[in-house]
PDB file of N, CA and C in Angstrom:
ATOM      1  N   UNK A   1      14.211  -2.389 -13.007  1.00  0.00           N
ATOM      2  CA  UNK A   1      13.746  -3.040 -11.780  1.00  0.00           C
ATOM      3  C   UNK A   1      14.842  -2.947 -10.735  1.00  0.00           C
ATOM      4  N   UNK A   2      14.461  -2.522  -9.576  1.00  0.00           N
ATOM      5  CA  UNK A   2      15.404  -2.422  -8.475  1.00  0.00           C
ATOM      6  C   UNK A   2      15.643  -3.795  -7.868  1.00  0.00           C
ATOM      7  N   UNK A   3      16.880  -4.083  -7.589  1.00  0.00           N
ATOM      8  CA  UNK A   3      17.223  -5.336  -6.921  1.00  0.00           C
ATOM      9  C   UNK A   3      17.208  -5.183  -5.407  1.00  0.00           C
ATOM     10  N   UNK A   4      16.823  -4.014  -4.928  1.00  0.00           N
ATOM     11  CA  UNK A   4      16.889  -3.719  -3.503  1.00  0.00           C
ATOM     12  C   UNK A   4      15.631  -4.120  -2.737  1.00  0.00           C
ATOM     13  N   UNK A   5      14.728  -4.859  -3.370  1.00  0.00           N
ATOM     14  CA  UNK A   5      13.514  -5.277  -2.704  1.00  0.00           C
ATOM     15  C   UNK A   5      13.473  -6.784  -2.549  1.00  0.00           C
ATOM     16  N   UNK A   6      14.002  -7.258  -1.458  1.00  0.00           N
ATOM     17  CA  UNK A   6      13.993  -8.687  -1.172  1.00  0.00           C
ATOM     18  C   UNK A   6      12.646  -9.065  -0.552  1.00  0.00           C
ATOM     19  N   UNK A   7      12.406 -10.350  -0.469  1.00  0.00           N
ATOM     20  CA  UNK A   7      11.187 -10.839   0.186  1.00  0.00           C
ATOM     21  C   UNK A   7      11.162 -10.404   1.645  1.00  0.00           C
ATOM     22  N   UNK A   8      12.342 -10.341   2.277  1.00  0.00           N
ATOM     23  CA  UNK A   8      12.408  -9.925   3.686  1.00  0.00           C
ATOM     24  C   UNK A   8      11.986  -8.474   3.853  1.00  0.00           C
ATOM     25  N   UNK A   9      12.433  -7.609   2.952  1.00  0.00           N
ATOM     26  CA  UNK A   9      12.060  -6.190   3.030  1.00  0.00           C
ATOM     27  C   UNK A   9      10.559  -6.041   2.810  1.00  0.00           C
ATOM     28  N   UNK A  10      10.030  -6.726   1.802  1.00  0.00           N
ATOM     29  CA  UNK A  10       8.596  -6.672   1.537  1.00  0.00           C
ATOM     30  C   UNK A  10       7.813  -7.136   2.759  1.00  0.00           C
ATOM     31  N   UNK A  11       8.208  -8.238   3.333  1.00  0.00           N
ATOM     32  CA  UNK A  11       7.520  -8.787   4.498  1.00  0.00           C
ATOM     33  C   UNK A  11       7.580  -7.823   5.680  1.00  0.00           C
ATOM     34  N   UNK A  12       8.739  -7.232   5.920  1.00  0.00           N
ATOM     35  CA  UNK A  12       8.903  -6.296   7.035  1.00  0.00           C
ATOM     36  C   UNK A  12       7.999  -5.076   6.855  1.00  0.00           C
ATOM     37  N   UNK A  13       7.985  -4.512   5.653  1.00  0.00           N
ATOM     38  CA  UNK A  13       7.152  -3.339   5.388  1.00  0.00           C
ATOM     39  C   UNK A  13       5.674  -3.697   5.533  1.00  0.00           C
ATOM     40  N   UNK A  14       5.269  -4.814   4.950  1.00  0.00           N
ATOM     41  CA  UNK A  14       3.860  -5.225   5.021  1.00  0.00           C
ATOM     42  C   UNK A  14       3.421  -5.471   6.456  1.00  0.00           C
ATOM     43  N   UNK A  15       4.230  -6.194   7.224  1.00  0.00           N
ATOM     44  CA  UNK A  15       3.884  -6.452   8.624  1.00  0.00           C
ATOM     45  C   UNK A  15       3.727  -5.157   9.396  1.00  0.00           C
ATOM     46  N   UNK A  16       4.654  -4.229   9.201  1.00  0.00           N
ATOM     47  CA  UNK A  16       4.595  -2.935   9.893  1.00  0.00           C
ATOM     48  C   UNK A  16       3.330  -2.174   9.502  1.00  0.00           C
ATOM     49  N   UNK A  17       3.056  -2.103   8.206  1.00  0.00           N
ATOM     50  CA  UNK A  17       1.884  -1.354   7.747  1.00  0.00           C
ATOM     51  C   UNK A  17       0.593  -1.986   8.265  1.00  0.00           C
ATOM     52  N   UNK A  18       0.492  -3.293   8.192  1.00  0.00           N
ATOM     53  CA  UNK A  18      -0.735  -3.974   8.630  1.00  0.00           C
ATOM     54  C   UNK A  18      -0.942  -3.886  10.135  1.00  0.00           C
ATOM     55  N   UNK A  19       0.137  -3.963  10.907  1.00  0.00           N
ATOM     56  CA  UNK A  19       0.018  -3.936  12.363  1.00  0.00           C
ATOM     57  C   UNK A  19      -0.140  -2.526  12.924  1.00  0.00           C
ATOM     58  N   UNK A  20       0.579  -1.556  12.325  1.00  0.00           N
ATOM     59  CA  UNK A  20       0.621  -0.216  12.907  1.00  0.00           C
ATOM     60  C   UNK A  20      -0.114   0.855  12.109  1.00  0.00           C
ATOM     61  N   UNK A  21      -0.400   0.587  10.847  1.00  0.00           N
ATOM     62  CA  UNK A  21      -0.994   1.623   9.992  1.00  0.00           C
ATOM     63  C   UNK A  21      -2.108   1.071   9.114  1.00  0.00           C
ATOM     64  N   UNK A  22      -2.971   0.250   9.701  1.00  0.00           N
ATOM     65  CA  UNK A  22      -4.068  -0.349   8.956  1.00  0.00           C
ATOM     66  C   UNK A  22      -4.980   0.676   8.308  1.00  0.00           C
ATOM     67  N   UNK A  23      -5.181   1.814   8.986  1.00  0.00           N
ATOM     68  CA  UNK A  23      -6.023   2.870   8.420  1.00  0.00           C
ATOM     69  C   UNK A  23      -5.411   3.422   7.134  1.00  0.00           C
ATOM     70  N   UNK A  24      -4.089   3.508   7.087  1.00  0.00           N
ATOM     71  CA  UNK A  24      -3.410   3.993   5.880  1.00  0.00           C
ATOM     72  C   UNK A  24      -3.587   3.007   4.732  1.00  0.00           C
ATOM     73  N   UNK A  25      -3.532   1.713   5.023  1.00  0.00           N
ATOM     74  CA  UNK A  25      -3.685   0.696   3.977  1.00  0.00           C
ATOM     75  C   UNK A  25      -5.089   0.776   3.374  1.00  0.00           C
ATOM     76  N   UNK A  26      -6.088   1.008   4.205  1.00  0.00           N
ATOM     77  CA  UNK A  26      -7.458   1.178   3.694  1.00  0.00           C
ATOM     78  C   UNK A  26      -7.522   2.418   2.806  1.00  0.00           C
ATOM     79  N   UNK A  27      -6.877   3.494   3.228  1.00  0.00           N
ATOM     80  CA  UNK A  27      -6.852   4.712   2.410  1.00  0.00           C
ATOM     81  C   UNK A  27      -6.178   4.467   1.064  1.00  0.00           C
ATOM     82  N   UNK A  28      -5.086   3.690   1.042  1.00  0.00           N
ATOM     83  CA  UNK A  28      -4.438   3.359  -0.236  1.00  0.00           C
ATOM     84  C   UNK A  28      -5.424   2.652  -1.159  1.00  0.00           C
ATOM     85  N   UNK A  29      -6.146   1.658  -0.618  1.00  0.00           N
ATOM     86  CA  UNK A  29      -7.097   0.898  -1.431  1.00  0.00           C
ATOM     87  C   UNK A  29      -8.193   1.803  -1.983  1.00  0.00           C
ATOM     88  N   UNK A  30      -8.702   2.688  -1.135  1.00  0.00           N
ATOM     89  CA  UNK A  30      -9.784   3.576  -1.553  1.00  0.00           C
ATOM     90  C   UNK A  30      -9.308   4.623  -2.560  1.00  0.00           C
ATOM     91  N   UNK A  31      -8.213   5.312  -2.231  1.00  0.00           N
ATOM     92  CA  UNK A  31      -7.773   6.459  -3.023  1.00  0.00           C
ATOM     93  C   UNK A  31      -7.025   6.053  -4.284  1.00  0.00           C
ATOM     94  N   UNK A  32      -6.091   5.141  -4.156  1.00  0.00           N
ATOM     95  CA  UNK A  32      -5.231   4.792  -5.290  1.00  0.00           C
ATOM     96  C   UNK A  32      -5.669   3.513  -5.996  1.00  0.00           C
ATOM     97  N   UNK A  33      -6.446   2.689  -5.309  1.00  0.00           N
ATOM     98  CA  UNK A  33      -6.924   1.454  -5.913  1.00  0.00           C
ATOM     99  C   UNK A  33      -8.347   1.545  -6.431  1.00  0.00           C
ATOM    100  N   UNK A  34      -9.026   2.651  -6.111  1.00  0.00           N
ATOM    101  CA  UNK A  34     -10.386   2.848  -6.588  1.00  0.00           C
ATOM    102  C   UNK A  34     -11.424   1.976  -5.918  1.00  0.00           C
ATOM    103  N   UNK A  35     -11.083   1.378  -4.781  1.00  0.00           N
ATOM    104  CA  UNK A  35     -12.012   0.501  -4.063  1.00  0.00           C
ATOM    105  C   UNK A  35     -12.676   1.337  -2.963  1.00  0.00           C
ATOM    106  N   UNK A  36     -13.574   2.208  -3.368  1.00  0.00           N
ATOM    107  CA  UNK A  36     -14.143   3.190  -2.443  1.00  0.00           C
ATOM    108  C   UNK A  36     -15.006   2.569  -1.350  1.00  0.00           C
ATOM    109  N   UNK A  37     -15.491   1.340  -1.568  1.00  0.00           N
ATOM    110  CA  UNK A  37     -16.337   0.677  -0.572  1.00  0.00           C
ATOM    111  C   UNK A  37     -15.544  -0.182   0.412  1.00  0.00           C
ATOM    112  N   UNK A  38     -14.221  -0.127   0.350  1.00  0.00           N
ATOM    113  CA  UNK A  38     -13.397  -0.958   1.238  1.00  0.00           C
ATOM    114  C   UNK A  38     -13.639  -0.572   2.695  1.00  0.00           C
ATOM    115  N   UNK A  39     -13.839  -1.603   3.527  1.00  0.00           N
ATOM    116  CA  UNK A  39     -13.997  -1.350   4.960  1.00  0.00           C
ATOM    117  C   UNK A  39     -12.748  -1.786   5.728  1.00  0.00           C
ATOM    118  N   UNK A  40     -11.898  -2.563   5.070  1.00  0.00           N
ATOM    119  CA  UNK A  40     -10.626  -3.011   5.644  1.00  0.00           C
ATOM    120  C   UNK A  40      -9.705  -3.367   4.482  1.00  0.00           C
ATOM    121  N   UNK A  41      -8.417  -3.413   4.761  1.00  0.00           N
ATOM    122  CA  UNK A  41      -7.454  -3.798   3.721  1.00  0.00           C
ATOM    123  C   UNK A  41      -6.180  -4.288   4.386  1.00  0.00           C
ATOM    124  N   UNK A  42      -5.451  -5.117   3.652  1.00  0.00           N
ATOM    125  CA  UNK A  42      -4.138  -5.583   4.097  1.00  0.00           C
ATOM    126  C   UNK A  42      -3.159  -5.460   2.962  1.00  0.00           C
ATOM    127  N   UNK A  43      -1.922  -5.090   3.303  1.00  0.00           N
ATOM    128  CA  UNK A  43      -0.845  -5.054   2.325  1.00  0.00           C
ATOM    129  C   UNK A  43      -0.235  -6.446   2.259  1.00  0.00           C
ATOM    130  N   UNK A  44      -0.255  -7.031   1.072  1.00  0.00           N
ATOM    131  CA  UNK A  44       0.260  -8.386   0.889  1.00  0.00           C
ATOM    132  C   UNK A  44       1.729  -8.400   0.491  1.00  0.00           C
ATOM    133  N   UNK A  45       2.121  -7.462  -0.376  1.00  0.00           N
ATOM    134  CA  UNK A  45       3.515  -7.384  -0.816  1.00  0.00           C
ATOM    135  C   UNK A  45       3.781  -6.010  -1.390  1.00  0.00           C
ATOM    136  N   UNK A  46       5.059  -5.672  -1.440  1.00  0.00           N
ATOM    137  CA  UNK A  46       5.496  -4.411  -2.026  1.00  0.00           C
ATOM    138  C   UNK A  46       6.769  -4.702  -2.811  1.00  0.00           C
ATOM    139  N   UNK A  47       6.870  -4.061  -3.964  1.00  0.00           N
ATOM    140  CA  UNK A  47       8.079  -4.188  -4.778  1.00  0.00           C
ATOM    141  C   UNK A  47       8.420  -2.809  -5.315  1.00  0.00           C
ATOM    142  N   UNK A  48       9.417  -2.727  -6.133  1.00  0.00           N
ATOM    143  CA  UNK A  48       9.890  -1.426  -6.608  1.00  0.00           C
ATOM    144  C   UNK A  48       8.857  -0.699  -7.464  1.00  0.00           C
ATOM    145  N   UNK A  49       7.938  -1.438  -8.079  1.00  0.00           N
ATOM    146  CA  UNK A  49       6.960  -0.819  -8.966  1.00  0.00           C
ATOM    147  C   UNK A  49       5.613  -0.519  -8.309  1.00  0.00           C
ATOM    148  N   UNK A  50       5.277  -1.251  -7.252  1.00  0.00           N
ATOM    149  CA  UNK A  50       3.969  -1.042  -6.643  1.00  0.00           C
ATOM    150  C   UNK A  50       3.716  -1.952  -5.461  1.00  0.00           C
ATOM    151  N   UNK A  51       2.465  -1.960  -5.025  1.00  0.00           N
ATOM    152  CA  UNK A  51       2.091  -2.793  -3.886  1.00  0.00           C
ATOM    153  C   UNK A  51       0.819  -3.560  -4.202  1.00  0.00           C
ATOM    154  N   UNK A  52       0.722  -4.742  -3.601  1.00  0.00           N
ATOM    155  CA  UNK A  52      -0.461  -5.587  -3.739  1.00  0.00           C
ATOM    156  C   UNK A  52      -1.188  -5.606  -2.401  1.00  0.00           C
ATOM    157  N   UNK A  53      -2.484  -5.307  -2.479  1.00  0.00           N
ATOM    158  CA  UNK A  53      -3.331  -5.287  -1.291  1.00  0.00           C
ATOM    159  C   UNK A  53      -4.491  -6.243  -1.504  1.00  0.00           C
ATOM    160  N   UNK A  54      -5.172  -6.527  -0.428  1.00  0.00           N
ATOM    161  CA  UNK A  54      -6.482  -7.157  -0.507  1.00  0.00           C
ATOM    162  C   UNK A  54      -7.419  -6.276   0.305  1.00  0.00           C
ATOM    163  N   UNK A  55      -8.537  -5.926  -0.298  1.00  0.00           N
ATOM    164  CA  UNK A  55      -9.508  -5.054   0.353  1.00  0.00           C
ATOM    165  C   UNK A  55     -10.776  -5.839   0.648  1.00  0.00           C
ATOM    166  N   UNK A  56     -11.377  -5.566   1.780  1.00  0.00           N
ATOM    167  CA  UNK A  56     -12.629  -6.214   2.171  1.00  0.00           C
ATOM    168  C   UNK A  56     -13.786  -5.324   1.721  1.00  0.00           C
ATOM    169  N   UNK A  57     -14.618  -5.881   0.801  1.00  0.00           N
ATOM    170  CA  UNK A  57     -15.771  -5.158   0.269  1.00  0.00           C
ATOM    171  C   UNK A  57     -16.968  -6.095   0.294  1.00  0.00           C
ATOM    172  N   UNK A  58     -18.001  -5.710   1.039  1.00  0.00           N
ATOM    173  CA  UNK A  58     -19.220  -6.521   1.130  1.00  0.00           C
ATOM    174  C   UNK A  58     -18.908  -7.973   1.484  1.00  0.00           C
ATOM    175  N   UNK A  59     -18.000  -8.173   2.417  1.00  0.00           N
ATOM    176  CA  UNK A  59     -17.658  -9.513   2.881  1.00  0.00           C
ATOM    177  C   UNK A  59     -16.734 -10.286   1.961  1.00  0.00           C
ATOM    178  N   UNK A  60     -16.327  -9.690   0.856  1.00  0.00           N
ATOM    179  CA  UNK A  60     -15.442 -10.348  -0.114  1.00  0.00           C
ATOM    180  C   UNK A  60     -14.056  -9.722  -0.067  1.00  0.00           C
ATOM    181  N   UNK A  61     -13.027 -10.536  -0.315  1.00  0.00           N
ATOM    182  CA  UNK A  61     -11.668 -10.031  -0.448  1.00  0.00           C
ATOM    183  C   UNK A  61     -11.419  -9.698  -1.915  1.00  0.00           C
ATOM    184  N   UNK A  62     -11.065  -8.448  -2.173  1.00  0.00           N
ATOM    185  CA  UNK A  62     -10.844  -7.966  -3.534  1.00  0.00           C
ATOM    186  C   UNK A  62      -9.352  -7.658  -3.699  1.00  0.00           C
ATOM    187  N   UNK A  63      -8.691  -8.271  -4.688  1.00  0.00           N
ATOM    188  CA  UNK A  63      -7.270  -7.959  -4.908  1.00  0.00           C
ATOM    189  C   UNK A  63      -7.106  -6.561  -5.502  1.00  0.00           C
ATOM    190  N   UNK A  64      -6.069  -5.865  -5.054  1.00  0.00           N
ATOM    191  CA  UNK A  64      -5.802  -4.502  -5.517  1.00  0.00           C
ATOM    192  C   UNK A  64      -4.314  -4.373  -5.809  1.00  0.00           C
ATOM    193  N   UNK A  65      -3.977  -3.903  -6.998  1.00  0.00           N
ATOM    194  CA  UNK A  65      -2.585  -3.596  -7.345  1.00  0.00           C
ATOM    195  C   UNK A  65      -2.496  -2.094  -7.526  1.00  0.00           C
ATOM    196  N   UNK A  66      -1.578  -1.470  -6.802  1.00  0.00           N
ATOM    197  CA  UNK A  66      -1.363  -0.033  -6.900  1.00  0.00           C
ATOM    198  C   UNK A  66       0.062   0.197  -7.384  1.00  0.00           C
ATOM    199  N   UNK A  67       0.188   0.843  -8.531  1.00  0.00           N
ATOM    200  CA  UNK A  67       1.496   1.162  -9.089  1.00  0.00           C
ATOM    201  C   UNK A  67       1.990   2.480  -8.497  1.00  0.00           C
ATOM    202  N   UNK A  68       3.278   2.562  -8.207  1.00  0.00           N
ATOM    203  CA  UNK A  68       3.869   3.806  -7.718  1.00  0.00           C
ATOM    204  C   UNK A  68       4.107   4.752  -8.887  1.00  0.00           C
ATOM    205  N   UNK A  69       4.306   6.029  -8.577  1.00  0.00           N
ATOM    206  CA  UNK A  69       4.559   7.015  -9.632  1.00  0.00           C
ATOM    207  C   UNK A  69       6.018   7.027 -10.086  1.00  0.00           C
ATOM    208  N   UNK A  70       6.844   6.214  -9.426  1.00  0.00           N
ATOM    209  CA  UNK A  70       8.248   6.055  -9.819  1.00  0.00           C
ATOM    210  C   UNK A  70       8.726   4.695  -9.311  1.00  0.00           C
ATOM    211  N   UNK A  71       9.825   4.235  -9.841  1.00  0.00           N
ATOM    212  CA  UNK A  71      10.408   2.968  -9.374  1.00  0.00           C
ATOM    213  C   UNK A  71      11.152   3.249  -8.083  1.00  0.00           C
ATOM    214  N   UNK A  72      10.804   2.522  -7.034  1.00  0.00           N
ATOM    215  CA  UNK A  72      11.439   2.725  -5.733  1.00  0.00           C
ATOM    216  C   UNK A  72      12.891   2.249  -5.765  1.00  0.00           C
ATOM    217  N   UNK A  73      13.750   2.985  -5.096  1.00  0.00           N
ATOM    218  CA  UNK A  73      15.175   2.673  -5.065  1.00  0.00           C
ATOM    219  C   UNK A  73      15.510   1.683  -3.958  1.00  0.00           C
ATOM    220  N   UNK A  74      14.901   1.888  -2.778  1.00  0.00           N
ATOM    221  CA  UNK A  74      15.223   1.069  -1.615  1.00  0.00           C
ATOM    222  C   UNK A  74      14.104   1.203  -0.586  1.00  0.00           C
ATOM    223  N   UNK A  75      14.301   0.603   0.577  1.00  0.00           N
ATOM    224  CA  UNK A  75      13.256   0.628   1.602  1.00  0.00           C
ATOM    225  C   UNK A  75      13.010   2.038   2.139  1.00  0.00           C
ATOM    226  N   UNK A  76      14.023   2.886   2.175  1.00  0.00           N
ATOM    227  CA  UNK A  76      13.815   4.270   2.621  1.00  0.00           C
ATOM    228  C   UNK A  76      12.945   5.024   1.619  1.00  0.00           C
ATOM    229  N   UNK A  77      13.164   4.789   0.336  1.00  0.00           N
ATOM    230  CA  UNK A  77      12.322   5.389  -0.697  1.00  0.00           C
ATOM    231  C   UNK A  77      10.885   4.889  -0.531  1.00  0.00           C
ATOM    232  N   UNK A  78      10.717   3.609  -0.223  1.00  0.00           N
ATOM    233  CA  UNK A  78       9.379   3.058   0.022  1.00  0.00           C
ATOM    234  C   UNK A  78       8.731   3.765   1.200  1.00  0.00           C
ATOM    235  N   UNK A  79       9.482   3.935   2.272  1.00  0.00           N
ATOM    236  CA  UNK A  79       8.978   4.604   3.473  1.00  0.00           C
ATOM    237  C   UNK A  79       8.480   6.007   3.133  1.00  0.00           C
ATOM    238  N   UNK A  80       9.308   6.783   2.454  1.00  0.00           N
ATOM    239  CA  UNK A  80       8.946   8.160   2.121  1.00  0.00           C
ATOM    240  C   UNK A  80       7.777   8.208   1.138  1.00  0.00           C
ATOM    241  N   UNK A  81       7.748   7.279   0.199  1.00  0.00           N
ATOM    242  CA  UNK A  81       6.661   7.238  -0.782  1.00  0.00           C
ATOM    243  C   UNK A  81       5.339   6.883  -0.116  1.00  0.00           C
ATOM    244  N   UNK A  82       5.343   5.904   0.780  1.00  0.00           N
ATOM    245  CA  UNK A  82       4.116   5.521   1.474  1.00  0.00           C
ATOM    246  C   UNK A  82       3.600   6.659   2.349  1.00  0.00           C
ATOM    247  N   UNK A  83       4.497   7.394   2.985  1.00  0.00           N
ATOM    248  CA  UNK A  83       4.091   8.556   3.790  1.00  0.00           C
ATOM    249  C   UNK A  83       3.450   9.614   2.895  1.00  0.00           C
ATOM    250  N   UNK A  84       4.092   9.919   1.777  1.00  0.00           N
ATOM    251  CA  UNK A  84       3.556  10.924   0.852  1.00  0.00           C
ATOM    252  C   UNK A  84       2.188  10.504   0.318  1.00  0.00           C
ATOM    253  N   UNK A  85       2.046   9.210   0.032  1.00  0.00           N
ATOM    254  CA  UNK A  85       0.776   8.725  -0.498  1.00  0.00           C
ATOM    255  C   UNK A  85      -0.337   8.821   0.534  1.00  0.00           C
ATOM    256  N   UNK A  86      -0.056   8.508   1.786  1.00  0.00           N
ATOM    257  CA  UNK A  86      -1.122   8.592   2.800  1.00  0.00           C
ATOM    258  C   UNK A  86      -1.490  10.048   3.056  1.00  0.00           C
ATOM    259  N   UNK A  87      -0.523  10.950   3.007  1.00  0.00           N
ATOM    260  CA  UNK A  87      -0.841  12.382   3.156  1.00  0.00           C
ATOM    261  C   UNK A  87      -1.736  12.835   2.017  1.00  0.00           C
ATOM    262  N   UNK A  88      -1.400  12.429   0.779  1.00  0.00           N
ATOM    263  CA  UNK A  88      -2.221  12.779  -0.379  1.00  0.00           C
ATOM    264  C   UNK A  88      -3.623  12.183  -0.252  1.00  0.00           C
ATOM    265  N   UNK A  89      -3.717  10.940   0.192  1.00  0.00           N
ATOM    266  CA  UNK A  89      -5.011  10.270   0.343  1.00  0.00           C
ATOM    267  C   UNK A  89      -5.862  10.976   1.383  1.00  0.00           C
ATOM    268  N   UNK A  90      -5.249  11.421   2.470  1.00  0.00           N
ATOM    269  CA  UNK A  90      -6.012  12.104   3.518  1.00  0.00           C
ATOM    270  C   UNK A  90      -6.569  13.427   3.005  1.00  0.00           C
ATOM    271  N   UNK A  91      -5.792  14.148   2.216  1.00  0.00           N
ATOM    272  CA  UNK A  91      -6.265  15.407   1.636  1.00  0.00           C
ATOM    273  C   UNK A  91      -7.421  15.136   0.679  1.00  0.00           C
ATOM    274  N   UNK A  92      -7.285  14.115  -0.153  1.00  0.00           N
ATOM    275  CA  UNK A  92      -8.316  13.811  -1.143  1.00  0.00           C
ATOM    276  C   UNK A  92      -9.605  13.281  -0.510  1.00  0.00           C
ATOM    277  N   UNK A  93      -9.490  12.664   0.672  1.00  0.00           N
ATOM    278  CA  UNK A  93     -10.673  12.064   1.290  1.00  0.00           C
ATOM    279  C   UNK A  93     -11.496  13.071   2.096  1.00  0.00           C
ATOM    280  N   UNK A  94     -10.997  14.288   2.218  1.00  0.00           N
ATOM    281  CA  UNK A  94     -11.731  15.315   2.986  1.00  0.00           C
ATOM    282  C   UNK A  94     -12.856  15.908   2.172  1.00  0.00           C
TER     283      UNK A  94
END
């Protein structure tokens, strides 16, 4: 477990993703969380092993846990991993 993921880092990443990249968060829920009917999603937290989202499906909030393919080292690793994941999700959704 990486000690480089404080609550502040998680909060900063989540706020940024929810405010500036909401479409990417929905793609994460659909592609990696298997919630194909999601119409909206929010990132609740991120840690070295994965991220917790809530997806909106048929008016209900559905919790989603997505595990990363590796343990994240730091916030830069999180940044690069999230970018790679959204690129992969966009390719898969075509």
